[in-house]
């Protein structure tokens, strides 16, 4: 359990460090990501981005299994 938490923490750190570069390639602004603007507030649902990240992480974790 402790190894999983350490690996998860490192993954979050890695994604946090690469966030500016991920933003440049358009991840987070894909067709299918929903943006709802209501007055002064904005609600963002990155559905397609979550699916793509999930598939990539599944492939990576299965390679190290």
C-alpha atoms as a PDB file:
ATOM      1  CA  UNK A   1       0.000   0.000   0.000  1.00  0.00           C
ATOM      2  CA  UNK A   2       2.842   2.372   0.831  1.00  0.00           C
ATOM      3  CA  UNK A   3       4.523   1.826  -2.535  1.00  0.00           C
ATOM      4  CA  UNK A   4       1.276   2.648  -4.341  1.00  0.00           C
ATOM      5  CA  UNK A   5       0.935   5.938  -2.431  1.00  0.00           C
ATOM      6  CA  UNK A   6       4.545   6.888  -3.150  1.00  0.00           C
ATOM      7  CA  UNK A   7       4.160   6.100  -6.849  1.00  0.00           C
ATOM      8  CA  UNK A   8       0.863   8.010  -6.988  1.00  0.00           C
ATOM      9  CA  UNK A   9       2.536  11.004  -5.331  1.00  0.00           C
ATOM     10  CA  UNK A  10       5.386  10.916  -7.829  1.00  0.00           C
ATOM     11  CA  UNK A  11       2.929  10.727 -10.738  1.00  0.00           C
ATOM     12  CA  UNK A  12       1.021  13.752  -9.413  1.00  0.00           C
ATOM     13  CA  UNK A  13       4.305  15.632  -8.979  1.00  0.00           C
ATOM     14  CA  UNK A  14       5.418  14.694 -12.509  1.00  0.00           C
ATOM     15  CA  UNK A  15       2.120  15.826 -14.053  1.00  0.00           C
ATOM     16  CA  UNK A  16       2.279  19.055 -12.037  1.00  0.00           C
ATOM     17  CA  UNK A  17       5.746  19.822 -13.339  1.00  0.00           C
ATOM     18  CA  UNK A  18       4.743  19.071 -16.931  1.00  0.00           C
ATOM     19  CA  UNK A  19       1.427  20.956 -16.772  1.00  0.00           C
ATOM     20  CA  UNK A  20       2.606  23.997 -18.802  1.00  0.00           C
ATOM     21  CA  UNK A  21       3.787  21.695 -21.601  1.00  0.00           C
ATOM     22  CA  UNK A  22       0.612  19.593 -21.449  1.00  0.00           C
ATOM     23  CA  UNK A  23      -1.441  22.775 -21.798  1.00  0.00           C
ATOM     24  CA  UNK A  24       0.505  23.753 -24.946  1.00  0.00           C
ATOM     25  CA  UNK A  25      -0.335  20.520 -26.788  1.00  0.00           C
ATOM     26  CA  UNK A  26      -4.043  21.112 -26.228  1.00  0.00           C
ATOM     27  CA  UNK A  27      -4.784  18.505 -23.585  1.00  0.00           C
ATOM     28  CA  UNK A  28      -7.696  19.895 -21.611  1.00  0.00           C
ATOM     29  CA  UNK A  29      -9.230  21.662 -24.604  1.00  0.00           C
ATOM     30  CA  UNK A  30     -10.285  18.679 -26.697  1.00  0.00           C
ATOM     31  CA  UNK A  31     -13.590  18.319 -28.518  1.00  0.00           C
ATOM     32  CA  UNK A  32     -15.944  16.686 -26.049  1.00  0.00           C
ATOM     33  CA  UNK A  33     -14.688  18.655 -23.044  1.00  0.00           C
ATOM     34  CA  UNK A  34     -17.666  20.603 -21.756  1.00  0.00           C
ATOM     35  CA  UNK A  35     -17.469  24.257 -20.738  1.00  0.00           C
ATOM     36  CA  UNK A  36     -20.582  25.829 -19.222  1.00  0.00           C
ATOM     37  CA  UNK A  37     -20.548  29.584 -18.649  1.00  0.00           C
ATOM     38  CA  UNK A  38     -23.248  30.967 -16.358  1.00  0.00           C
ATOM     39  CA  UNK A  39     -22.868  34.663 -15.681  1.00  0.00           C
ATOM     40  CA  UNK A  40     -19.643  35.158 -13.740  1.00  0.00           C
ATOM     41  CA  UNK A  41     -18.962  31.467 -13.132  1.00  0.00           C
ATOM     42  CA  UNK A  42     -17.583  28.793 -15.433  1.00  0.00           C
ATOM     43  CA  UNK A  43     -17.939  25.039 -15.010  1.00  0.00           C
ATOM     44  CA  UNK A  44     -15.458  22.836 -16.847  1.00  0.00           C
ATOM     45  CA  UNK A  45     -15.919  19.071 -17.403  1.00  0.00           C
ATOM     46  CA  UNK A  46     -12.841  17.586 -19.167  1.00  0.00           C
ATOM     47  CA  UNK A  47     -14.555  14.304 -20.099  1.00  0.00           C
ATOM     48  CA  UNK A  48     -12.509  13.391 -23.198  1.00  0.00           C
ATOM     49  CA  UNK A  49      -9.253  14.493 -21.569  1.00  0.00           C
ATOM     50  CA  UNK A  50      -9.968  12.219 -18.587  1.00  0.00           C
ATOM     51  CA  UNK A  51     -10.653   9.277 -20.887  1.00  0.00           C
ATOM     52  CA  UNK A  52      -7.399   9.807 -22.809  1.00  0.00           C
ATOM     53  CA  UNK A  53      -5.338  10.189 -19.621  1.00  0.00           C
ATOM     54  CA  UNK A  54      -6.984   7.057 -18.194  1.00  0.00           C
ATOM     55  CA  UNK A  55      -6.125   5.004 -21.279  1.00  0.00           C
ATOM     56  CA  UNK A  56      -2.520   6.232 -21.274  1.00  0.00           C
ATOM     57  CA  UNK A  57      -2.075   5.493 -17.559  1.00  0.00           C
ATOM     58  CA  UNK A  58      -3.646   2.047 -17.978  1.00  0.00           C
ATOM     59  CA  UNK A  59      -1.157   1.213 -20.724  1.00  0.00           C
ATOM     60  CA  UNK A  60       1.780   2.510 -18.671  1.00  0.00           C
ATOM     61  CA  UNK A  61       0.752   0.611 -15.526  1.00  0.00           C
ATOM     62  CA  UNK A  62       0.186  -2.591 -17.480  1.00  0.00           C
ATOM     63  CA  UNK A  63       3.691  -2.320 -18.950  1.00  0.00           C
ATOM     64  CA  UNK A  64       5.189  -2.233 -15.437  1.00  0.00           C
ATOM     65  CA  UNK A  65       2.953  -4.987 -14.079  1.00  0.00           C
END
